[in-house]
Amino acid sequence: MSEYSKGWKYIVWVGGCDDYFFTYKEAKEHYDQWIEKGYDDLFLTKLLPDNEEEILHTTQKEKNDDWRRQTNHAWIMQKNW
């Protein structure tokens, strides 16, 4: 069973570690708290039903094309696990 089908809709990535959230509000609050603490390797992503993630916010100035592709003006992360 995927995280999406369990009800998780958003992920905050902090330096490669993931925290899952049911609502955007919770995820955004968590994301902002990490920024306030001085972290600069952050992503807030939305889980999609097809096992991909749409990047909603990031502190990264450049996107790494090796693991992301641009689709319909939204950055999508491919999950390969």
N, C-alpha and C. Protein backbone atom coordinates (compact mmCIF):
# COMPACT_ATOMS: atom_id res chain seq x y z
N MET A 1 0.84 -1.18 0.00
CA MET A 1 0.00 0.00 0.00
C MET A 1 0.89 1.24 0.00
N SER A 2 0.63 2.18 -0.90
CA SER A 2 1.45 3.38 -1.01
C SER A 2 1.10 4.40 0.07
N GLU A 3 2.02 5.33 0.30
CA GLU A 3 1.77 6.40 1.27
C GLU A 3 0.53 7.19 0.87
N TYR A 4 0.37 7.44 -0.44
CA TYR A 4 -0.76 8.21 -0.94
C TYR A 4 -2.08 7.52 -0.58
N SER A 5 -2.15 6.21 -0.78
CA SER A 5 -3.39 5.49 -0.49
C SER A 5 -3.65 5.39 1.01
N LYS A 6 -2.62 5.61 1.83
CA LYS A 6 -2.79 5.63 3.29
C LYS A 6 -3.28 7.00 3.78
N GLY A 7 -3.37 7.97 2.87
CA GLY A 7 -3.88 9.29 3.24
C GLY A 7 -2.83 10.37 3.31
N TRP A 8 -1.55 10.01 3.25
CA TRP A 8 -0.49 11.01 3.28
C TRP A 8 -0.51 11.76 1.95
N LYS A 9 -0.46 13.09 2.00
CA LYS A 9 -0.55 13.89 0.78
C LYS A 9 0.65 14.80 0.55
N TYR A 10 1.43 15.07 1.60
CA TYR A 10 2.55 16.00 1.48
C TYR A 10 3.77 15.45 2.21
N ILE A 11 4.96 15.81 1.70
CA ILE A 11 6.21 15.41 2.34
C ILE A 11 7.09 16.65 2.48
N VAL A 12 7.69 16.81 3.64
CA VAL A 12 8.74 17.80 3.84
C VAL A 12 10.05 17.03 3.91
N TRP A 13 10.93 17.33 2.96
CA TRP A 13 12.26 16.71 2.90
C TRP A 13 13.25 17.68 3.53
N VAL A 14 13.98 17.22 4.53
CA VAL A 14 15.00 18.02 5.21
C VAL A 14 16.32 17.28 5.07
N GLY A 15 17.18 17.76 4.19
CA GLY A 15 18.48 17.11 3.99
C GLY A 15 18.36 15.65 3.62
N GLY A 16 17.32 15.27 2.90
CA GLY A 16 17.14 13.89 2.48
C GLY A 16 16.28 13.04 3.41
N CYS A 17 15.91 13.58 4.57
CA CYS A 17 15.02 12.87 5.50
C CYS A 17 13.59 13.35 5.27
N ASP A 18 12.64 12.43 5.30
CA ASP A 18 11.27 12.78 4.95
C ASP A 18 10.32 12.73 6.15
N ASP A 19 9.40 13.69 6.20
CA ASP A 19 8.31 13.73 7.17
C ASP A 19 7.02 13.86 6.37
N TYR A 20 6.05 12.98 6.65
CA TYR A 20 4.79 12.92 5.90
C TYR A 20 3.67 13.66 6.63
N PHE A 21 2.78 14.29 5.86
CA PHE A 21 1.67 15.07 6.42
C PHE A 21 0.39 14.82 5.63
N PHE A 22 -0.73 14.95 6.34
CA PHE A 22 -2.03 14.79 5.71
C PHE A 22 -2.50 16.08 5.04
N THR A 23 -2.13 17.24 5.60
CA THR A 23 -2.61 18.51 5.06
C THR A 23 -1.46 19.41 4.64
N TYR A 24 -1.76 20.27 3.67
CA TYR A 24 -0.78 21.26 3.21
C TYR A 24 -0.41 22.20 4.36
N LYS A 25 -1.40 22.61 5.14
CA LYS A 25 -1.16 23.55 6.23
C LYS A 25 -0.11 23.01 7.20
N GLU A 26 -0.28 21.75 7.62
CA GLU A 26 0.70 21.13 8.53
C GLU A 26 2.08 21.06 7.89
N ALA A 27 2.12 20.65 6.64
CA ALA A 27 3.40 20.50 5.94
C ALA A 27 4.10 21.85 5.79
N LYS A 28 3.35 22.88 5.42
CA LYS A 28 3.95 24.21 5.22
C LYS A 28 4.47 24.77 6.54
N GLU A 29 3.72 24.58 7.62
CA GLU A 29 4.19 25.03 8.94
C GLU A 29 5.50 24.35 9.31
N HIS A 30 5.58 23.05 9.07
CA HIS A 30 6.79 22.28 9.36
C HIS A 30 7.95 22.77 8.50
N TYR A 31 7.71 22.96 7.22
CA TYR A 31 8.71 23.47 6.28
C TYR A 31 9.24 24.83 6.76
N ASP A 32 8.34 25.74 7.11
CA ASP A 32 8.75 27.07 7.57
C ASP A 32 9.54 27.01 8.87
N GLN A 33 9.20 26.08 9.76
CA GLN A 33 9.95 25.94 11.01
C GLN A 33 11.39 25.54 10.74
N TRP A 34 11.61 24.64 9.78
CA TRP A 34 12.99 24.24 9.44
C TRP A 34 13.77 25.41 8.86
N ILE A 35 13.11 26.25 8.05
CA ILE A 35 13.78 27.43 7.51
C ILE A 35 14.18 28.37 8.64
N GLU A 36 13.27 28.60 9.60
CA GLU A 36 13.56 29.46 10.75
C GLU A 36 14.75 28.94 11.56
N LYS A 37 14.95 27.61 11.57
CA LYS A 37 16.07 27.01 12.29
C LYS A 37 17.38 27.10 11.51
N GLY A 38 17.30 27.61 10.26
CA GLY A 38 18.52 27.81 9.49
C GLY A 38 18.83 26.73 8.47
N TYR A 39 17.94 25.78 8.28
CA TYR A 39 18.18 24.72 7.30
C TYR A 39 17.97 25.26 5.89
N ASP A 40 18.80 24.80 4.95
CA ASP A 40 18.70 25.31 3.58
C ASP A 40 18.61 24.21 2.53
N ASP A 41 18.39 22.98 2.95
CA ASP A 41 18.23 21.86 2.01
C ASP A 41 16.83 21.27 2.22
N LEU A 42 15.81 22.02 1.79
CA LEU A 42 14.43 21.67 2.06
C LEU A 42 13.60 21.56 0.79
N PHE A 43 12.66 20.63 0.82
CA PHE A 43 11.65 20.50 -0.24
C PHE A 43 10.31 20.25 0.43
N LEU A 44 9.27 20.88 -0.07
CA LEU A 44 7.89 20.55 0.30
C LEU A 44 7.25 20.01 -0.97
N THR A 45 6.86 18.74 -0.94
CA THR A 45 6.30 18.11 -2.13
C THR A 45 4.89 17.60 -1.87
N LYS A 46 4.14 17.51 -2.96
CA LYS A 46 2.79 16.95 -2.91
C LYS A 46 2.85 15.56 -3.52
N LEU A 47 2.35 14.57 -2.78
CA LEU A 47 2.31 13.20 -3.30
C LEU A 47 1.23 13.11 -4.37
N LEU A 48 1.54 12.40 -5.45
CA LEU A 48 0.60 12.18 -6.54
C LEU A 48 0.24 10.70 -6.60
N PRO A 49 -0.94 10.37 -7.09
CA PRO A 49 -1.38 8.97 -7.09
C PRO A 49 -0.48 8.02 -7.88
N ASP A 50 0.28 8.55 -8.84
CA ASP A 50 1.11 7.69 -9.69
C ASP A 50 2.53 7.50 -9.15
N ASN A 51 2.71 7.67 -7.83
CA ASN A 51 4.00 7.46 -7.17
C ASN A 51 5.05 8.50 -7.56
N GLU A 52 4.61 9.68 -7.88
CA GLU A 52 5.50 10.81 -8.13
C GLU A 52 5.19 11.90 -7.12
N GLU A 53 6.08 12.89 -7.05
CA GLU A 53 5.90 14.03 -6.15
C GLU A 53 6.04 15.32 -6.94
N GLU A 54 5.16 16.26 -6.70
CA GLU A 54 5.25 17.59 -7.28
C GLU A 54 5.91 18.51 -6.26
N ILE A 55 6.98 19.18 -6.64
CA ILE A 55 7.67 20.09 -5.73
C ILE A 55 6.88 21.39 -5.66
N LEU A 56 6.41 21.72 -4.45
CA LEU A 56 5.65 22.95 -4.24
C LEU A 56 6.55 24.08 -3.77
N HIS A 57 7.52 23.77 -2.92
CA HIS A 57 8.46 24.76 -2.40
C HIS A 57 9.82 24.09 -2.24
N THR A 58 10.87 24.87 -2.46
CA THR A 58 12.22 24.38 -2.21
C THR A 58 13.13 25.54 -1.87
N THR A 59 14.15 25.26 -1.07
CA THR A 59 15.16 26.25 -0.77
C THR A 59 16.32 26.15 -1.76
N GLN A 60 16.27 25.15 -2.63
CA GLN A 60 17.35 24.94 -3.59
C GLN A 60 17.24 25.93 -4.75
N LYS A 61 18.34 26.55 -5.10
CA LYS A 61 18.34 27.53 -6.18
C LYS A 61 18.34 26.85 -7.55
N GLU A 62 18.97 25.70 -7.64
CA GLU A 62 19.02 24.96 -8.90
C GLU A 62 18.36 23.61 -8.73
N LYS A 63 17.71 23.13 -9.75
CA LYS A 63 17.06 21.83 -9.73
C LYS A 63 18.00 20.81 -10.37
N ASN A 64 18.14 19.64 -9.80
CA ASN A 64 19.02 18.59 -10.31
C ASN A 64 18.24 17.74 -11.31
N ASP A 65 18.55 17.87 -12.59
CA ASP A 65 17.81 17.18 -13.64
C ASP A 65 18.03 15.67 -13.64
N ASP A 66 19.01 15.17 -12.89
CA ASP A 66 19.24 13.73 -12.84
C ASP A 66 18.09 13.00 -12.14
N TRP A 67 17.40 13.64 -11.23
CA TRP A 67 16.33 12.96 -10.51
C TRP A 67 15.01 13.69 -10.55
N ARG A 68 14.93 14.76 -11.33
CA ARG A 68 13.67 15.48 -11.51
C ARG A 68 13.48 15.81 -12.97
N ARG A 69 12.24 15.96 -13.40
CA ARG A 69 11.96 16.41 -14.75
C ARG A 69 10.84 17.43 -14.69
N GLN A 70 10.82 18.33 -15.65
CA GLN A 70 9.80 19.37 -15.65
C GLN A 70 8.61 18.90 -16.49
N THR A 71 7.42 18.96 -15.91
CA THR A 71 6.21 18.53 -16.59
C THR A 71 5.10 19.54 -16.29
N ASN A 72 4.50 20.10 -17.32
CA ASN A 72 3.38 21.03 -17.15
C ASN A 72 3.70 22.14 -16.15
N HIS A 73 4.89 22.70 -16.25
CA HIS A 73 5.35 23.81 -15.41
C HIS A 73 5.47 23.46 -13.93
N ALA A 74 5.42 22.21 -13.58
CA ALA A 74 5.61 21.77 -12.19
C ALA A 74 6.77 20.80 -12.17
N TRP A 75 7.60 20.94 -11.16
CA TRP A 75 8.71 20.00 -11.02
C TRP A 75 8.19 18.72 -10.39
N ILE A 76 8.53 17.59 -11.02
CA ILE A 76 8.06 16.29 -10.55
C ILE A 76 9.28 15.45 -10.17
N MET A 77 9.18 14.78 -9.03
CA MET A 77 10.24 13.86 -8.59
C MET A 77 9.76 12.44 -8.89
N GLN A 78 10.58 11.66 -9.56
CA GLN A 78 10.27 10.26 -9.82
C GLN A 78 10.73 9.42 -8.65
N LYS A 79 9.86 8.62 -8.10
CA LYS A 79 10.25 7.69 -7.05
C LYS A 79 10.56 6.35 -7.71
N ASN A 80 11.68 5.78 -7.40
CA ASN A 80 12.08 4.51 -8.00
C ASN A 80 12.19 3.40 -6.97
N TRP A 81 11.41 3.50 -5.89
CA TRP A 81 11.44 2.40 -4.92
C TRP A 81 10.09 1.79 -4.78
